[in-house]
């Protein structure tokens, strides 16, 4: 029996698709199919073939203990779809990059994350990364990042797959670096955390103010950002 394993490490977790056959030709055909499907996905895949006593997962683990601590997917289509989703830039990728490179405090990090997202969205009419902002009392907040900072701040210095993902989108990285220089410095120098008059997201009519008027933690929509982000920009 021959087993073919498509393996990727994502956020320090091993994920894999497994295929088994007694016919080497079928293994070759599956490997060619896999190579074609993953060629444009910016993650570090590896393909392994092992001879095992039978087609079971137990036989694979018995043959090589390296494959014990792995989460397996039985459907190649589902695995590829999941990897495509995971390969998209998200809020954790960006927050980890910003924290690692610039060492921003929690308030400034949330502001840079928001202004990077909102500015890119309004300028290029596309989302730079996957994120969801809600209206906290001090402004727009990505709640997943808020939880990350609060409960696992020690893991934020791991950039995970950011460098692989951003390699195909250098414009986003360049844009974010510019946002840090402008907005990161502004929020770190001003007293905007305590003073709403120095907090431009609190200006009248901004996406945050429209969401917060409906209640704290109301989602801030892309539509409102596209229409009203200009009201919260700084010179």
C-alpha atoms as a PDB file:
ATOM      1  CA  UNK A   1       0.000   0.000   0.000  1.00  0.00           C
ATOM      2  CA  UNK A   2       1.230   3.492  -0.859  1.00  0.00           C
ATOM      3  CA  UNK A   3       0.014   6.554   1.019  1.00  0.00           C
ATOM      4  CA  UNK A   4       0.290  10.092  -0.334  1.00  0.00           C
ATOM      5  CA  UNK A   5       0.164  12.951   2.170  1.00  0.00           C
ATOM      6  CA  UNK A   6      -0.210  16.622   1.331  1.00  0.00           C
ATOM      7  CA  UNK A   7       0.978  18.481   4.419  1.00  0.00           C
ATOM      8  CA  UNK A   8       1.005  22.116   5.484  1.00  0.00           C
ATOM      9  CA  UNK A   9       1.827  23.772   8.797  1.00  0.00           C
ATOM     10  CA  UNK A  10      -0.569  26.605   9.534  1.00  0.00           C
ATOM     11  CA  UNK A  11      -0.218  28.603  12.756  1.00  0.00           C
ATOM     12  CA  UNK A  12       2.026  25.893  14.187  1.00  0.00           C
ATOM     13  CA  UNK A  13      -0.598  23.203  13.504  1.00  0.00           C
ATOM     14  CA  UNK A  14      -0.015  20.416  10.979  1.00  0.00           C
ATOM     15  CA  UNK A  15      -2.892  19.906   8.536  1.00  0.00           C
ATOM     16  CA  UNK A  16      -3.010  17.266   5.837  1.00  0.00           C
ATOM     17  CA  UNK A  17      -4.897  15.479   3.088  1.00  0.00           C
ATOM     18  CA  UNK A  18      -4.254  11.739   2.761  1.00  0.00           C
ATOM     19  CA  UNK A  19      -4.719   9.429  -0.227  1.00  0.00           C
ATOM     20  CA  UNK A  20      -3.934   5.700  -0.434  1.00  0.00           C
ATOM     21  CA  UNK A  21      -3.703   3.228  -3.294  1.00  0.00           C
ATOM     22  CA  UNK A  22      -1.982  -0.015  -4.248  1.00  0.00           C
ATOM     23  CA  UNK A  23      -1.356   1.386  -7.746  1.00  0.00           C
ATOM     24  CA  UNK A  24       1.628   3.680  -8.131  1.00  0.00           C
ATOM     25  CA  UNK A  25       0.105   5.190 -11.290  1.00  0.00           C
ATOM     26  CA  UNK A  26      -2.862   6.437  -9.283  1.00  0.00           C
ATOM     27  CA  UNK A  27      -0.491   7.947  -6.741  1.00  0.00           C
ATOM     28  CA  UNK A  28       1.344   9.776  -9.532  1.00  0.00           C
ATOM     29  CA  UNK A  29      -1.910  11.045 -11.026  1.00  0.00           C
ATOM     30  CA  UNK A  30      -3.091  12.312  -7.633  1.00  0.00           C
ATOM     31  CA  UNK A  31       0.250  14.004  -6.993  1.00  0.00           C
ATOM     32  CA  UNK A  32       0.058  15.832 -10.342  1.00  0.00           C
ATOM     33  CA  UNK A  33      -3.486  16.923  -9.553  1.00  0.00           C
ATOM     34  CA  UNK A  34      -2.436  18.189  -6.141  1.00  0.00           C
ATOM     35  CA  UNK A  35       0.566  20.070  -7.525  1.00  0.00           C
ATOM     36  CA  UNK A  36      -1.699  21.874  -9.968  1.00  0.00           C
ATOM     37  CA  UNK A  37      -4.248  22.793  -7.286  1.00  0.00           C
ATOM     38  CA  UNK A  38      -1.751  24.209  -4.795  1.00  0.00           C
ATOM     39  CA  UNK A  39       0.574  26.092  -7.142  1.00  0.00           C
ATOM     40  CA  UNK A  40      -1.125  29.467  -6.582  1.00  0.00           C
ATOM     41  CA  UNK A  41      -1.794  29.089  -2.859  1.00  0.00           C
ATOM     42  CA  UNK A  42       0.835  31.040  -0.847  1.00  0.00           C
ATOM     43  CA  UNK A  43       1.413  28.462   1.883  1.00  0.00           C
ATOM     44  CA  UNK A  44       4.353  26.089   2.368  1.00  0.00           C
ATOM     45  CA  UNK A  45       3.095  22.664   1.301  1.00  0.00           C
ATOM     46  CA  UNK A  46       5.036  19.417   1.263  1.00  0.00           C
ATOM     47  CA  UNK A  47       4.094  16.139  -0.428  1.00  0.00           C
ATOM     48  CA  UNK A  48       5.115  12.798   1.072  1.00  0.00           C
ATOM     49  CA  UNK A  49       4.758   9.220  -0.154  1.00  0.00           C
ATOM     50  CA  UNK A  50       5.183   6.235   2.159  1.00  0.00           C
ATOM     51  CA  UNK A  51       4.755   2.511   1.794  1.00  0.00           C
ATOM     52  CA  UNK A  52       2.534   1.142   4.590  1.00  0.00           C
ATOM     53  CA  UNK A  53       1.080  -2.224   5.577  1.00  0.00           C
ATOM     54  CA  UNK A  54      -2.453  -1.054   4.657  1.00  0.00           C
ATOM     55  CA  UNK A  55      -4.460   2.109   3.868  1.00  0.00           C
ATOM     56  CA  UNK A  56      -5.265   3.008   7.462  1.00  0.00           C
ATOM     57  CA  UNK A  57      -4.180   6.107   9.315  1.00  0.00           C
ATOM     58  CA  UNK A  58      -2.852   3.859  12.056  1.00  0.00           C
ATOM     59  CA  UNK A  59      -0.513   2.214   9.549  1.00  0.00           C
ATOM     60  CA  UNK A  60       0.777   5.617   8.477  1.00  0.00           C
ATOM     61  CA  UNK A  61       1.464   6.694  12.059  1.00  0.00           C
ATOM     62  CA  UNK A  62       3.121   3.352  12.726  1.00  0.00           C
ATOM     63  CA  UNK A  63       5.369   3.846   9.706  1.00  0.00           C
ATOM     64  CA  UNK A  64       6.388   7.366  10.668  1.00  0.00           C
ATOM     65  CA  UNK A  65       5.491   8.990  14.040  1.00  0.00           C
ATOM     66  CA  UNK A  66       5.914  12.405  12.393  1.00  0.00           C
ATOM     67  CA  UNK A  67       2.377  12.010  11.056  1.00  0.00           C
ATOM     68  CA  UNK A  68       0.785  11.399  14.455  1.00  0.00           C
ATOM     69  CA  UNK A  69       0.086  14.962  15.522  1.00  0.00           C
ATOM     70  CA  UNK A  70      -1.741  15.960  12.351  1.00  0.00           C
ATOM     71  CA  UNK A  71      -5.299  17.001  11.585  1.00  0.00           C
ATOM     72  CA  UNK A  72      -6.452  15.103   8.475  1.00  0.00           C
ATOM     73  CA  UNK A  73      -9.040  15.941   5.825  1.00  0.00           C
ATOM     74  CA  UNK A  74     -10.421  13.095   3.708  1.00  0.00           C
ATOM     75  CA  UNK A  75     -11.695  15.272   0.844  1.00  0.00           C
ATOM     76  CA  UNK A  76      -9.095  16.913  -1.402  1.00  0.00           C
ATOM     77  CA  UNK A  77     -11.620  19.511  -2.579  1.00  0.00           C
ATOM     78  CA  UNK A  78     -12.500  20.490   0.994  1.00  0.00           C
ATOM     79  CA  UNK A  79      -8.837  20.607   1.976  1.00  0.00           C
ATOM     80  CA  UNK A  80      -7.909  22.872  -0.957  1.00  0.00           C
ATOM     81  CA  UNK A  81     -10.882  25.129  -0.277  1.00  0.00           C
ATOM     82  CA  UNK A  82      -9.866  25.424   3.369  1.00  0.00           C
ATOM     83  CA  UNK A  83      -6.250  26.198   2.413  1.00  0.00           C
ATOM     84  CA  UNK A  84      -7.354  28.902  -0.024  1.00  0.00           C
ATOM     85  CA  UNK A  85      -9.332  30.512   2.783  1.00  0.00           C
ATOM     86  CA  UNK A  86      -6.415  30.237   5.196  1.00  0.00           C
ATOM     87  CA  UNK A  87      -4.040  31.746   2.630  1.00  0.00           C
ATOM     88  CA  UNK A  88      -5.969  35.026   2.548  1.00  0.00           C
ATOM     89  CA  UNK A  89      -4.576  37.873   4.604  1.00  0.00           C
ATOM     90  CA  UNK A  90      -6.527  38.332   7.827  1.00  0.00           C
ATOM     91  CA  UNK A  91      -6.572  40.567  10.867  1.00  0.00           C
ATOM     92  CA  UNK A  92      -4.293  38.262  12.878  1.00  0.00           C
ATOM     93  CA  UNK A  93      -1.639  38.291  10.147  1.00  0.00           C
ATOM     94  CA  UNK A  94      -1.650  42.087  10.023  1.00  0.00           C
ATOM     95  CA  UNK A  95      -1.797  42.621  13.785  1.00  0.00           C
ATOM     96  CA  UNK A  96       1.096  40.222  14.335  1.00  0.00           C
ATOM     97  CA  UNK A  97       3.173  41.992  11.681  1.00  0.00           C
ATOM     98  CA  UNK A  98       2.442  45.436  13.119  1.00  0.00           C
ATOM     99  CA  UNK A  99       3.171  44.349  16.673  1.00  0.00           C
ATOM    100  CA  UNK A 100       6.384  42.554  15.731  1.00  0.00           C
ATOM    101  CA  UNK A 101       7.800  45.398  13.650  1.00  0.00           C
ATOM    102  CA  UNK A 102       6.469  48.494  15.399  1.00  0.00           C
ATOM    103  CA  UNK A 103       5.657  47.424  18.990  1.00  0.00           C
ATOM    104  CA  UNK A 104       2.458  49.480  19.133  1.00  0.00           C
ATOM    105  CA  UNK A 105       0.373  49.744  22.287  1.00  0.00           C
ATOM    106  CA  UNK A 106      -3.061  48.114  22.168  1.00  0.00           C
ATOM    107  CA  UNK A 107      -4.948  51.350  21.427  1.00  0.00           C
ATOM    108  CA  UNK A 108      -2.602  52.440  18.628  1.00  0.00           C
ATOM    109  CA  UNK A 109      -2.559  48.931  17.153  1.00  0.00           C
ATOM    110  CA  UNK A 110      -6.349  48.907  16.834  1.00  0.00           C
ATOM    111  CA  UNK A 111      -6.283  52.367  15.249  1.00  0.00           C
ATOM    112  CA  UNK A 112      -3.605  51.446  12.715  1.00  0.00           C
ATOM    113  CA  UNK A 113      -5.425  48.204  11.922  1.00  0.00           C
ATOM    114  CA  UNK A 114      -8.623  50.141  11.286  1.00  0.00           C
ATOM    115  CA  UNK A 115      -7.081  52.998   9.323  1.00  0.00           C
ATOM    116  CA  UNK A 116      -5.071  50.561   7.231  1.00  0.00           C
ATOM    117  CA  UNK A 117      -8.229  48.636   6.404  1.00  0.00           C
ATOM    118  CA  UNK A 118     -10.491  51.640   5.870  1.00  0.00           C
ATOM    119  CA  UNK A 119      -7.964  53.682   3.907  1.00  0.00           C
ATOM    120  CA  UNK A 120      -7.099  50.852   1.536  1.00  0.00           C
ATOM    121  CA  UNK A 121     -10.765  49.958   1.075  1.00  0.00           C
ATOM    122  CA  UNK A 122     -11.762  53.508   0.142  1.00  0.00           C
ATOM    123  CA  UNK A 123      -8.729  54.148  -2.051  1.00  0.00           C
ATOM    124  CA  UNK A 124      -8.658  50.901  -4.010  1.00  0.00           C
ATOM    125  CA  UNK A 125     -12.232  49.621  -3.467  1.00  0.00           C
ATOM    126  CA  UNK A 126     -11.073  46.243  -2.209  1.00  0.00           C
ATOM    127  CA  UNK A 127     -10.531  44.785   1.234  1.00  0.00           C
ATOM    128  CA  UNK A 128      -6.810  44.568   2.064  1.00  0.00           C
ATOM    129  CA  UNK A 129      -7.392  41.774   4.567  1.00  0.00           C
ATOM    130  CA  UNK A 130     -10.256  39.981   6.288  1.00  0.00           C
ATOM    131  CA  UNK A 131     -11.393  41.842   9.390  1.00  0.00           C
ATOM    132  CA  UNK A 132     -14.551  42.811  11.238  1.00  0.00           C
ATOM    133  CA  UNK A 133     -14.713  46.038  13.234  1.00  0.00           C
ATOM    134  CA  UNK A 134     -17.262  46.933  15.886  1.00  0.00           C
ATOM    135  CA  UNK A 135     -17.954  50.162  17.746  1.00  0.00           C
ATOM    136  CA  UNK A 136     -16.249  50.181  21.149  1.00  0.00           C
ATOM    137  CA  UNK A 137     -16.405  53.297  23.312  1.00  0.00           C
ATOM    138  CA  UNK A 138     -12.916  54.398  22.217  1.00  0.00           C
ATOM    139  CA  UNK A 139     -13.450  53.759  18.522  1.00  0.00           C
ATOM    140  CA  UNK A 140     -13.435  50.945  15.945  1.00  0.00           C
ATOM    141  CA  UNK A 141     -12.117  47.670  17.332  1.00  0.00           C
ATOM    142  CA  UNK A 142     -11.433  44.316  15.763  1.00  0.00           C
ATOM    143  CA  UNK A 143     -12.856  42.117  18.505  1.00  0.00           C
ATOM    144  CA  UNK A 144     -10.787  39.048  17.594  1.00  0.00           C
ATOM    145  CA  UNK A 145      -7.615  41.104  17.962  1.00  0.00           C
ATOM    146  CA  UNK A 146      -8.921  42.657  21.174  1.00  0.00           C
ATOM    147  CA  UNK A 147      -9.301  39.143  22.630  1.00  0.00           C
ATOM    148  CA  UNK A 148      -5.878  38.153  21.360  1.00  0.00           C
ATOM    149  CA  UNK A 149      -4.225  41.139  23.021  1.00  0.00           C
ATOM    150  CA  UNK A 150      -6.134  40.588  26.261  1.00  0.00           C
ATOM    151  CA  UNK A 151      -5.710  36.841  26.664  1.00  0.00           C
ATOM    152  CA  UNK A 152      -2.650  35.758  24.618  1.00  0.00           C
ATOM    153  CA  UNK A 153      -0.410  38.797  24.044  1.00  0.00           C
ATOM    154  CA  UNK A 154       2.741  36.684  24.223  1.00  0.00           C
ATOM    155  CA  UNK A 155       1.831  34.973  20.919  1.00  0.00           C
ATOM    156  CA  UNK A 156       1.431  38.176  18.935  1.00  0.00           C
ATOM    157  CA  UNK A 157       5.101  38.340  17.973  1.00  0.00           C
ATOM    158  CA  UNK A 158       4.733  35.265  15.776  1.00  0.00           C
ATOM    159  CA  UNK A 159       4.149  36.394  12.201  1.00  0.00           C
ATOM    160  CA  UNK A 160       2.818  32.971  11.211  1.00  0.00           C
ATOM    161  CA  UNK A 161       2.233  33.007   7.433  1.00  0.00           C
ATOM    162  CA  UNK A 162       2.277  36.779   6.880  1.00  0.00           C
ATOM    163  CA  UNK A 163       5.472  36.884   4.822  1.00  0.00           C
ATOM    164  CA  UNK A 164       4.268  34.109   2.528  1.00  0.00           C
ATOM    165  CA  UNK A 165       0.889  35.720   2.036  1.00  0.00           C
ATOM    166  CA  UNK A 166       2.141  39.274   1.581  1.00  0.00           C
ATOM    167  CA  UNK A 167       4.747  38.273  -1.023  1.00  0.00           C
ATOM    168  CA  UNK A 168       2.048  38.355  -3.699  1.00  0.00           C
ATOM    169  CA  UNK A 169       0.557  41.608  -2.358  1.00  0.00           C
ATOM    170  CA  UNK A 170       3.454  44.020  -1.688  1.00  0.00           C
ATOM    171  CA  UNK A 171       1.164  47.020  -2.194  1.00  0.00           C
ATOM    172  CA  UNK A 172      -0.720  46.169   1.002  1.00  0.00           C
ATOM    173  CA  UNK A 173       2.449  45.956   3.098  1.00  0.00           C
ATOM    174  CA  UNK A 174       3.690  49.265   1.690  1.00  0.00           C
ATOM    175  CA  UNK A 175       0.350  50.870   2.446  1.00  0.00           C
ATOM    176  CA  UNK A 176       0.304  49.571   6.021  1.00  0.00           C
ATOM    177  CA  UNK A 177       3.817  50.851   6.679  1.00  0.00           C
ATOM    178  CA  UNK A 178       2.663  54.277   5.535  1.00  0.00           C
ATOM    179  CA  UNK A 179      -0.349  54.138   7.831  1.00  0.00           C
ATOM    180  CA  UNK A 180       1.874  53.351  10.810  1.00  0.00           C
ATOM    181  CA  UNK A 181       4.050  56.387  10.131  1.00  0.00           C
ATOM    182  CA  UNK A 182       1.026  58.662   9.900  1.00  0.00           C
ATOM    183  CA  UNK A 183      -1.603  57.295  12.271  1.00  0.00           C
ATOM    184  CA  UNK A 184       0.526  55.187  14.605  1.00  0.00           C
ATOM    185  CA  UNK A 185       2.636  58.174  15.536  1.00  0.00           C
ATOM    186  CA  UNK A 186      -0.432  60.387  15.848  1.00  0.00           C
ATOM    187  CA  UNK A 187      -2.273  58.116  18.287  1.00  0.00           C
ATOM    188  CA  UNK A 188       0.838  57.384  20.321  1.00  0.00           C
ATOM    189  CA  UNK A 189       1.613  61.087  20.751  1.00  0.00           C
ATOM    190  CA  UNK A 190      -1.884  62.446  21.407  1.00  0.00           C
ATOM    191  CA  UNK A 191      -4.221  61.861  24.328  1.00  0.00           C
ATOM    192  CA  UNK A 192      -6.982  60.564  22.057  1.00  0.00           C
ATOM    193  CA  UNK A 193      -7.674  57.546  24.271  1.00  0.00           C
ATOM    194  CA  UNK A 194      -9.052  59.867  26.970  1.00  0.00           C
ATOM    195  CA  UNK A 195      -9.939  62.915  24.879  1.00  0.00           C
ATOM    196  CA  UNK A 196     -12.598  62.445  22.197  1.00  0.00           C
ATOM    197  CA  UNK A 197     -11.689  65.802  20.644  1.00  0.00           C
ATOM    198  CA  UNK A 198      -8.325  64.303  19.639  1.00  0.00           C
ATOM    199  CA  UNK A 199      -9.865  61.033  18.461  1.00  0.00           C
ATOM    200  CA  UNK A 200     -10.788  61.541  14.770  1.00  0.00           C
ATOM    201  CA  UNK A 201     -12.889  58.364  14.580  1.00  0.00           C
ATOM    202  CA  UNK A 202     -15.236  60.171  16.990  1.00  0.00           C
ATOM    203  CA  UNK A 203     -15.900  63.014  14.577  1.00  0.00           C
ATOM    204  CA  UNK A 204     -19.524  63.650  13.691  1.00  0.00           C
ATOM    205  CA  UNK A 205     -20.812  61.366  10.953  1.00  0.00           C
ATOM    206  CA  UNK A 206     -17.912  58.904  10.883  1.00  0.00           C
ATOM    207  CA  UNK A 207     -18.465  55.170  10.369  1.00  0.00           C
ATOM    208  CA  UNK A 208     -17.795  54.618  14.094  1.00  0.00           C
ATOM    209  CA  UNK A 209     -20.230  57.349  15.227  1.00  0.00           C
ATOM    210  CA  UNK A 210     -23.000  55.972  13.010  1.00  0.00           C
ATOM    211  CA  UNK A 211     -22.508  52.448  14.361  1.00  0.00           C
ATOM    212  CA  UNK A 212     -22.114  53.535  17.998  1.00  0.00           C
ATOM    213  CA  UNK A 213     -25.356  55.525  17.790  1.00  0.00           C
ATOM    214  CA  UNK A 214     -27.117  52.184  17.296  1.00  0.00           C
ATOM    215  CA  UNK A 215     -25.463  50.751  20.403  1.00  0.00           C
ATOM    216  CA  UNK A 216     -22.025  49.695  21.605  1.00  0.00           C
ATOM    217  CA  UNK A 217     -20.489  46.743  19.728  1.00  0.00           C
ATOM    218  CA  UNK A 218     -22.539  47.436  16.596  1.00  0.00           C
ATOM    219  CA  UNK A 219     -20.629  46.277  13.487  1.00  0.00           C
ATOM    220  CA  UNK A 220     -19.033  48.977  11.343  1.00  0.00           C
ATOM    221  CA  UNK A 221     -19.944  48.187   7.755  1.00  0.00           C
ATOM    222  CA  UNK A 222     -17.788  48.457   4.663  1.00  0.00           C
ATOM    223  CA  UNK A 223     -20.552  50.515   3.090  1.00  0.00           C
ATOM    224  CA  UNK A 224     -20.306  53.151   5.820  1.00  0.00           C
ATOM    225  CA  UNK A 225     -16.528  53.132   5.587  1.00  0.00           C
ATOM    226  CA  UNK A 226     -16.691  53.748   1.849  1.00  0.00           C
ATOM    227  CA  UNK A 227     -19.139  56.612   2.328  1.00  0.00           C
ATOM    228  CA  UNK A 228     -17.848  58.334   5.470  1.00  0.00           C
ATOM    229  CA  UNK A 229     -14.192  57.425   6.075  1.00  0.00           C
ATOM    230  CA  UNK A 230     -13.153  60.833   4.730  1.00  0.00           C
ATOM    231  CA  UNK A 231     -14.619  62.396   7.891  1.00  0.00           C
ATOM    232  CA  UNK A 232     -12.068  60.680  10.155  1.00  0.00           C
ATOM    233  CA  UNK A 233      -8.861  61.224   8.189  1.00  0.00           C
ATOM    234  CA  UNK A 234      -6.129  63.433   9.588  1.00  0.00           C
ATOM    235  CA  UNK A 235      -3.969  65.854   7.582  1.00  0.00           C
END
